[in-house]
PDB file of N, CA and C in Angstrom:
ATOM      1  N   MET A   1      18.845  -5.903   7.325  1.00  0.00           N
ATOM      2  CA  MET A   1      17.571  -5.378   7.711  1.00  0.00           C
ATOM      3  C   MET A   1      17.264  -4.156   6.819  1.00  0.00           C
ATOM      4  N   ILE A   2      16.017  -4.070   6.405  1.00  0.00           N
ATOM      5  CA  ILE A   2      15.592  -2.925   5.563  1.00  0.00           C
ATOM      6  C   ILE A   2      15.054  -1.850   6.464  1.00  0.00           C
ATOM      7  N   ARG A   3      15.489  -0.632   6.224  1.00  0.00           N
ATOM      8  CA  ARG A   3      14.977   0.499   6.980  1.00  0.00           C
ATOM      9  C   ARG A   3      14.076   1.334   6.089  1.00  0.00           C
ATOM     10  N   ILE A   4      12.900   1.640   6.613  1.00  0.00           N
ATOM     11  CA  ILE A   4      11.974   2.439   5.861  1.00  0.00           C
ATOM     12  C   ILE A   4      11.637   3.697   6.657  1.00  0.00           C
ATOM     13  N   SER A   5      11.281   4.734   5.925  1.00  0.00           N
ATOM     14  CA  SER A   5      10.944   6.019   6.610  1.00  0.00           C
ATOM     15  C   SER A   5       9.608   5.927   7.282  1.00  0.00           C
ATOM     16  N   LYS A   6       9.351   6.887   8.155  1.00  0.00           N
ATOM     17  CA  LYS A   6       8.050   6.934   8.868  1.00  0.00           C
ATOM     18  C   LYS A   6       6.930   7.130   7.877  1.00  0.00           C
ATOM     19  N   LYS A   7       7.142   7.950   6.870  1.00  0.00           N
ATOM     20  CA  LYS A   7       6.090   8.203   5.834  1.00  0.00           C
ATOM     21  C   LYS A   7       5.706   6.897   5.141  1.00  0.00           C
ATOM     22  N   VAL A   8       6.703   6.080   4.786  1.00  0.00           N
ATOM     23  CA  VAL A   8       6.390   4.796   4.129  1.00  0.00           C
ATOM     24  C   VAL A   8       5.651   3.879   5.102  1.00  0.00           C
ATOM     25  N   GLU A   9       6.133   3.876   6.348  1.00  0.00           N
ATOM     26  CA  GLU A   9       5.449   3.056   7.369  1.00  0.00           C
ATOM     27  C   GLU A   9       3.997   3.457   7.549  1.00  0.00           C
ATOM     28  N   TYR A  10       3.736   4.787   7.635  1.00  0.00           N
ATOM     29  CA  TYR A  10       2.367   5.275   7.813  1.00  0.00           C
ATOM     30  C   TYR A  10       1.520   4.966   6.554  1.00  0.00           C
ATOM     31  N   ALA A  11       2.115   5.040   5.352  1.00  0.00           N
ATOM     32  CA  ALA A  11       1.394   4.748   4.129  1.00  0.00           C
ATOM     33  C   ALA A  11       0.993   3.262   4.132  1.00  0.00           C
ATOM     34  N   LEU A  12       1.903   2.383   4.562  1.00  0.00           N
ATOM     35  CA  LEU A  12       1.554   0.953   4.597  1.00  0.00           C
ATOM     36  C   LEU A  12       0.498   0.663   5.665  1.00  0.00           C
ATOM     37  N   MET A  13       0.576   1.351   6.786  1.00  0.00           N
ATOM     38  CA  MET A  13      -0.474   1.172   7.803  1.00  0.00           C
ATOM     39  C   MET A  13      -1.815   1.616   7.290  1.00  0.00           C
ATOM     40  N   ALA A  14      -1.874   2.718   6.595  1.00  0.00           N
ATOM     41  CA  ALA A  14      -3.109   3.255   6.044  1.00  0.00           C
ATOM     42  C   ALA A  14      -3.653   2.291   5.006  1.00  0.00           C
ATOM     43  N   LEU A  15      -2.822   1.815   4.086  1.00  0.00           N
ATOM     44  CA  LEU A  15      -3.287   0.878   3.057  1.00  0.00           C
ATOM     45  C   LEU A  15      -3.797  -0.429   3.686  1.00  0.00           C
ATOM     46  N   LYS A  16      -3.146  -0.890   4.713  1.00  0.00           N
ATOM     47  CA  LYS A  16      -3.621  -2.115   5.412  1.00  0.00           C
ATOM     48  C   LYS A  16      -4.956  -1.853   6.022  1.00  0.00           C
ATOM     49  N   HIS A  17      -5.135  -0.705   6.665  1.00  0.00           N
ATOM     50  CA  HIS A  17      -6.400  -0.347   7.275  1.00  0.00           C
ATOM     51  C   HIS A  17      -7.537  -0.309   6.249  1.00  0.00           C
ATOM     52  N   ILE A  18      -7.255   0.320   5.120  1.00  0.00           N
ATOM     53  CA  ILE A  18      -8.275   0.407   4.059  1.00  0.00           C
ATOM     54  C   ILE A  18      -8.583  -0.938   3.480  1.00  0.00           C
ATOM     55  N   SER A  19      -7.560  -1.758   3.260  1.00  0.00           N
ATOM     56  CA  SER A  19      -7.791  -3.058   2.663  1.00  0.00           C
ATOM     57  C   SER A  19      -8.576  -4.005   3.597  1.00  0.00           C
ATOM     58  N   ASN A  20      -8.411  -3.846   4.911  1.00  0.00           N
ATOM     59  CA  ASN A  20      -9.113  -4.665   5.850  1.00  0.00           C
ATOM     60  C   ASN A  20     -10.604  -4.218   6.024  1.00  0.00           C
ATOM     61  N   SER A  21     -10.945  -3.082   5.510  1.00  0.00           N
ATOM     62  CA  SER A  21     -12.302  -2.571   5.671  1.00  0.00           C
ATOM     63  C   SER A  21     -13.268  -3.085   4.596  1.00  0.00           C
ATOM     64  N   GLY A  22     -12.790  -3.847   3.640  1.00  0.00           N
ATOM     65  CA  GLY A  22     -13.648  -4.328   2.552  1.00  0.00           C
ATOM     66  C   GLY A  22     -13.921  -3.236   1.571  1.00  0.00           C
ATOM     67  N   ASN A  23     -15.185  -3.022   1.224  1.00  0.00           N
ATOM     68  CA  ASN A  23     -15.556  -2.001   0.229  1.00  0.00           C
ATOM     69  C   ASN A  23     -15.947  -0.689   0.878  1.00  0.00           C
ATOM     70  N   LYS A  24     -15.752  -0.593   2.191  1.00  0.00           N
ATOM     71  CA  LYS A  24     -16.142   0.634   2.919  1.00  0.00           C
ATOM     72  C   LYS A  24     -15.175   1.787   2.622  1.00  0.00           C
ATOM     73  N   VAL A  25     -15.734   2.961   2.538  1.00  0.00           N
ATOM     74  CA  VAL A  25     -14.930   4.192   2.343  1.00  0.00           C
ATOM     75  C   VAL A  25     -14.400   4.622   3.727  1.00  0.00           C
ATOM     76  N   ILE A  26     -13.127   4.873   3.838  1.00  0.00           N
ATOM     77  CA  ILE A  26     -12.480   5.193   5.109  1.00  0.00           C
ATOM     78  C   ILE A  26     -11.965   6.616   5.107  1.00  0.00           C
ATOM     79  N   THR A  27     -12.192   7.326   6.169  1.00  0.00           N
ATOM     80  CA  THR A  27     -11.694   8.714   6.289  1.00  0.00           C
ATOM     81  C   THR A  27     -10.276   8.716   6.823  1.00  0.00           C
ATOM     82  N   THR A  28      -9.578   9.783   6.505  1.00  0.00           N
ATOM     83  CA  THR A  28      -8.239  10.013   7.016  1.00  0.00           C
ATOM     84  C   THR A  28      -8.272  10.115   8.538  1.00  0.00           C
ATOM     85  N   ARG A  29      -9.290  10.747   9.081  1.00  0.00           N
ATOM     86  CA  ARG A  29      -9.373  10.899  10.544  1.00  0.00           C
ATOM     87  C   ARG A  29      -9.508   9.521  11.205  1.00  0.00           C
ATOM     88  N   GLU A  30     -10.304   8.633  10.645  1.00  0.00           N
ATOM     89  CA  GLU A  30     -10.487   7.296  11.180  1.00  0.00           C
ATOM     90  C   GLU A  30      -9.157   6.535  11.237  1.00  0.00           C
ATOM     91  N   ILE A  31      -8.409   6.630  10.135  1.00  0.00           N
ATOM     92  CA  ILE A  31      -7.091   5.940  10.086  1.00  0.00           C
ATOM     93  C   ILE A  31      -6.167   6.560  11.075  1.00  0.00           C
ATOM     94  N   SER A  32      -6.145   7.891  11.140  1.00  0.00           N
ATOM     95  CA  SER A  32      -5.278   8.611  12.069  1.00  0.00           C
ATOM     96  C   SER A  32      -5.547   8.224  13.511  1.00  0.00           C
ATOM     97  N   ASP A  33      -6.840   8.219  13.872  1.00  0.00           N
ATOM     98  CA  ASP A  33      -7.179   7.924  15.251  1.00  0.00           C
ATOM     99  C   ASP A  33      -6.906   6.473  15.621  1.00  0.00           C
ATOM    100  N   THR A  34      -7.206   5.539  14.705  1.00  0.00           N
ATOM    101  CA  THR A  34      -7.044   4.143  14.974  1.00  0.00           C
ATOM    102  C   THR A  34      -5.571   3.730  15.078  1.00  0.00           C
ATOM    103  N   ASN A  35      -4.741   4.324  14.252  1.00  0.00           N
ATOM    104  CA  ASN A  35      -3.353   3.905  14.188  1.00  0.00           C
ATOM    105  C   ASN A  35      -2.363   4.881  14.863  1.00  0.00           C
ATOM    106  N   ASN A  36      -2.933   5.931  15.487  1.00  0.00           N
ATOM    107  CA  ASN A  36      -2.125   6.889  16.185  1.00  0.00           C
ATOM    108  C   ASN A  36      -1.061   7.540  15.275  1.00  0.00           C
ATOM    109  N   ILE A  37      -1.559   8.006  14.123  1.00  0.00           N
ATOM    110  CA  ILE A  37      -0.703   8.667  13.143  1.00  0.00           C
ATOM    111  C   ILE A  37      -1.096  10.161  13.132  1.00  0.00           C
ATOM    112  N   PRO A  38      -0.121  11.098  13.072  1.00  0.00           N
ATOM    113  CA  PRO A  38      -0.465  12.505  12.987  1.00  0.00           C
ATOM    114  C   PRO A  38      -1.339  12.795  11.804  1.00  0.00           C
ATOM    115  N   TYR A  39      -2.462  13.446  12.041  1.00  0.00           N
ATOM    116  CA  TYR A  39      -3.458  13.694  11.006  1.00  0.00           C
ATOM    117  C   TYR A  39      -2.914  14.485   9.813  1.00  0.00           C
ATOM    118  N   ASP A  40      -2.218  15.578  10.083  1.00  0.00           N
ATOM    119  CA  ASP A  40      -1.720  16.426   9.002  1.00  0.00           C
ATOM    120  C   ASP A  40      -0.756  15.690   8.065  1.00  0.00           C
ATOM    121  N   LEU A  41       0.142  14.929   8.666  1.00  0.00           N
ATOM    122  CA  LEU A  41       1.120  14.157   7.890  1.00  0.00           C
ATOM    123  C   LEU A  41       0.378  13.055   7.103  1.00  0.00           C
ATOM    124  N   LEU A  42      -0.581  12.413   7.690  1.00  0.00           N
ATOM    125  CA  LEU A  42      -1.313  11.350   7.003  1.00  0.00           C
ATOM    126  C   LEU A  42      -2.129  11.927   5.829  1.00  0.00           C
ATOM    127  N   SER A  43      -2.682  13.129   6.018  1.00  0.00           N
ATOM    128  CA  SER A  43      -3.398  13.777   4.911  1.00  0.00           C
ATOM    129  C   SER A  43      -2.521  13.956   3.675  1.00  0.00           C
ATOM    130  N   LYS A  44      -1.313  14.381   3.873  1.00  0.00           N
ATOM    131  CA  LYS A  44      -0.381  14.537   2.770  1.00  0.00           C
ATOM    132  C   LYS A  44       0.019  13.200   2.137  1.00  0.00           C
ATOM    133  N   ILE A  45       0.182  12.198   2.937  1.00  0.00           N
ATOM    134  CA  ILE A  45       0.491  10.847   2.468  1.00  0.00           C
ATOM    135  C   ILE A  45      -0.669  10.333   1.640  1.00  0.00           C
ATOM    136  N   MET A  46      -1.914  10.526   2.104  1.00  0.00           N
ATOM    137  CA  MET A  46      -3.075  10.026   1.405  1.00  0.00           C
ATOM    138  C   MET A  46      -3.224  10.742   0.062  1.00  0.00           C
ATOM    139  N   GLN A  47      -2.953  12.035   0.004  1.00  0.00           N
ATOM    140  CA  GLN A  47      -3.009  12.772  -1.262  1.00  0.00           C
ATOM    141  C   GLN A  47      -1.976  12.248  -2.245  1.00  0.00           C
ATOM    142  N   THR A  48      -0.779  11.910  -1.751  1.00  0.00           N
ATOM    143  CA  THR A  48       0.243  11.318  -2.640  1.00  0.00           C
ATOM    144  C   THR A  48      -0.197   9.973  -3.166  1.00  0.00           C
ATOM    145  N   LEU A  49      -0.795   9.133  -2.321  1.00  0.00           N
ATOM    146  CA  LEU A  49      -1.288   7.820  -2.778  1.00  0.00           C
ATOM    147  C   LEU A  49      -2.403   8.029  -3.797  1.00  0.00           C
ATOM    148  N   LYS A  50      -3.230   9.011  -3.586  1.00  0.00           N
ATOM    149  CA  LYS A  50      -4.318   9.303  -4.551  1.00  0.00           C
ATOM    150  C   LYS A  50      -3.781   9.747  -5.880  1.00  0.00           C
ATOM    151  N   ASN A  51      -2.767  10.655  -5.851  1.00  0.00           N
ATOM    152  CA  ASN A  51      -2.141  11.147  -7.074  1.00  0.00           C
ATOM    153  C   ASN A  51      -1.435  10.054  -7.853  1.00  0.00           C
ATOM    154  N   GLU A  52      -0.967   9.038  -7.167  1.00  0.00           N
ATOM    155  CA  GLU A  52      -0.316   7.906  -7.779  1.00  0.00           C
ATOM    156  C   GLU A  52      -1.301   6.783  -8.210  1.00  0.00           C
ATOM    157  N   ASN A  53      -2.580   7.094  -8.082  1.00  0.00           N
ATOM    158  CA  ASN A  53      -3.670   6.164  -8.454  1.00  0.00           C
ATOM    159  C   ASN A  53      -3.672   4.874  -7.652  1.00  0.00           C
ATOM    160  N   ILE A  54      -3.165   4.893  -6.447  1.00  0.00           N
ATOM    161  CA  ILE A  54      -3.223   3.759  -5.550  1.00  0.00           C
ATOM    162  C   ILE A  54      -4.548   3.780  -4.833  1.00  0.00           C
ATOM    163  N   LEU A  55      -4.993   5.021  -4.453  1.00  0.00           N
ATOM    164  CA  LEU A  55      -6.300   5.211  -3.803  1.00  0.00           C
ATOM    165  C   LEU A  55      -7.189   6.031  -4.647  1.00  0.00           C
ATOM    166  N   SER A  56      -8.489   5.863  -4.454  1.00  0.00           N
ATOM    167  CA  SER A  56      -9.457   6.781  -5.059  1.00  0.00           C
ATOM    168  C   SER A  56     -10.177   7.491  -3.915  1.00  0.00           C
ATOM    169  N   SER A  57     -10.599   8.731  -4.168  1.00  0.00           N
ATOM    170  CA  SER A  57     -11.224   9.499  -3.108  1.00  0.00           C
ATOM    171  C   SER A  57     -12.658   9.854  -3.480  1.00  0.00           C
ATOM    172  N   ASN A  58     -13.448   9.984  -2.452  1.00  0.00           N
ATOM    173  CA  ASN A  58     -14.847  10.450  -2.546  1.00  0.00           C
ATOM    174  C   ASN A  58     -14.973  11.670  -1.713  1.00  0.00           C
ATOM    175  N   GLN A  59     -15.577  12.696  -2.225  1.00  0.00           N
ATOM    176  CA  GLN A  59     -15.767  13.896  -1.468  1.00  0.00           C
ATOM    177  C   GLN A  59     -17.192  13.980  -0.925  1.00  0.00           C
ATOM    178  N   GLY A  60     -17.382  14.822   0.042  1.00  0.00           N
ATOM    179  CA  GLY A  60     -18.702  15.057   0.615  1.00  0.00           C
ATOM    180  C   GLY A  60     -18.787  14.495   2.040  1.00  0.00           C
ATOM    181  N   SER A  61     -20.025  14.508   2.536  1.00  0.00           N
ATOM    182  CA  SER A  61     -20.225  14.078   3.915  1.00  0.00           C
ATOM    183  C   SER A  61     -19.952  12.591   4.123  1.00  0.00           C
ATOM    184  N   SER A  62     -20.081  11.784   3.089  1.00  0.00           N
ATOM    185  CA  SER A  62     -19.765  10.348   3.235  1.00  0.00           C
ATOM    186  C   SER A  62     -18.483  10.037   2.481  1.00  0.00           C
ATOM    187  N   GLY A  63     -17.621  11.012   2.378  1.00  0.00           N
ATOM    188  CA  GLY A  63     -16.352  10.845   1.628  1.00  0.00           C
ATOM    189  C   GLY A  63     -15.294  10.143   2.382  1.00  0.00           C
ATOM    190  N   GLY A  64     -14.234   9.874   1.689  1.00  0.00           N
ATOM    191  CA  GLY A  64     -13.064   9.205   2.248  1.00  0.00           C
ATOM    192  C   GLY A  64     -12.283   8.539   1.128  1.00  0.00           C
ATOM    193  N   TYR A  65     -11.530   7.558   1.481  1.00  0.00           N
ATOM    194  CA  TYR A  65     -10.663   6.880   0.530  1.00  0.00           C
ATOM    195  C   TYR A  65     -10.987   5.404   0.453  1.00  0.00           C
ATOM    196  N   SER A  66     -10.711   4.862  -0.752  1.00  0.00           N
ATOM    197  CA  SER A  66     -10.859   3.411  -0.950  1.00  0.00           C
ATOM    198  C   SER A  66      -9.722   3.014  -1.916  1.00  0.00           C
ATOM    199  N   LEU A  67      -9.448   1.746  -1.989  1.00  0.00           N
ATOM    200  CA  LEU A  67      -8.411   1.298  -2.885  1.00  0.00           C
ATOM    201  C   LEU A  67      -8.844   1.410  -4.330  1.00  0.00           C
ATOM    202  N   SER A  68      -7.974   1.801  -5.212  1.00  0.00           N
ATOM    203  CA  SER A  68      -8.334   1.904  -6.646  1.00  0.00           C
ATOM    204  C   SER A  68      -8.500   0.507  -7.278  1.00  0.00           C
ATOM    205  N   LYS A  69      -7.687  -0.409  -6.823  1.00  0.00           N
ATOM    206  CA  LYS A  69      -7.731  -1.787  -7.333  1.00  0.00           C
ATOM    207  C   LYS A  69      -7.712  -2.739  -6.194  1.00  0.00           C
ATOM    208  N   ARG A  70      -8.207  -3.888  -6.415  1.00  0.00           N
ATOM    209  CA  ARG A  70      -8.205  -4.938  -5.388  1.00  0.00           C
ATOM    210  C   ARG A  70      -6.813  -5.512  -5.234  1.00  0.00           C
TER     211      ARG A  70
END
């Protein structure tokens, strides 16, 4: 059996949530509330995914995250 850390589990849950949304931009708060993930921890995970070019981010009132590639 493979054991993964909570951070990896949360990252996979976030990526699945974003990929299921189609082309919609998703906020960290939405992912956090939907999947019951601590917001502060998820914010750090999302920044790491963005820095690794897995996610792209949009700032502003309609901001959030989307997948960099399909």
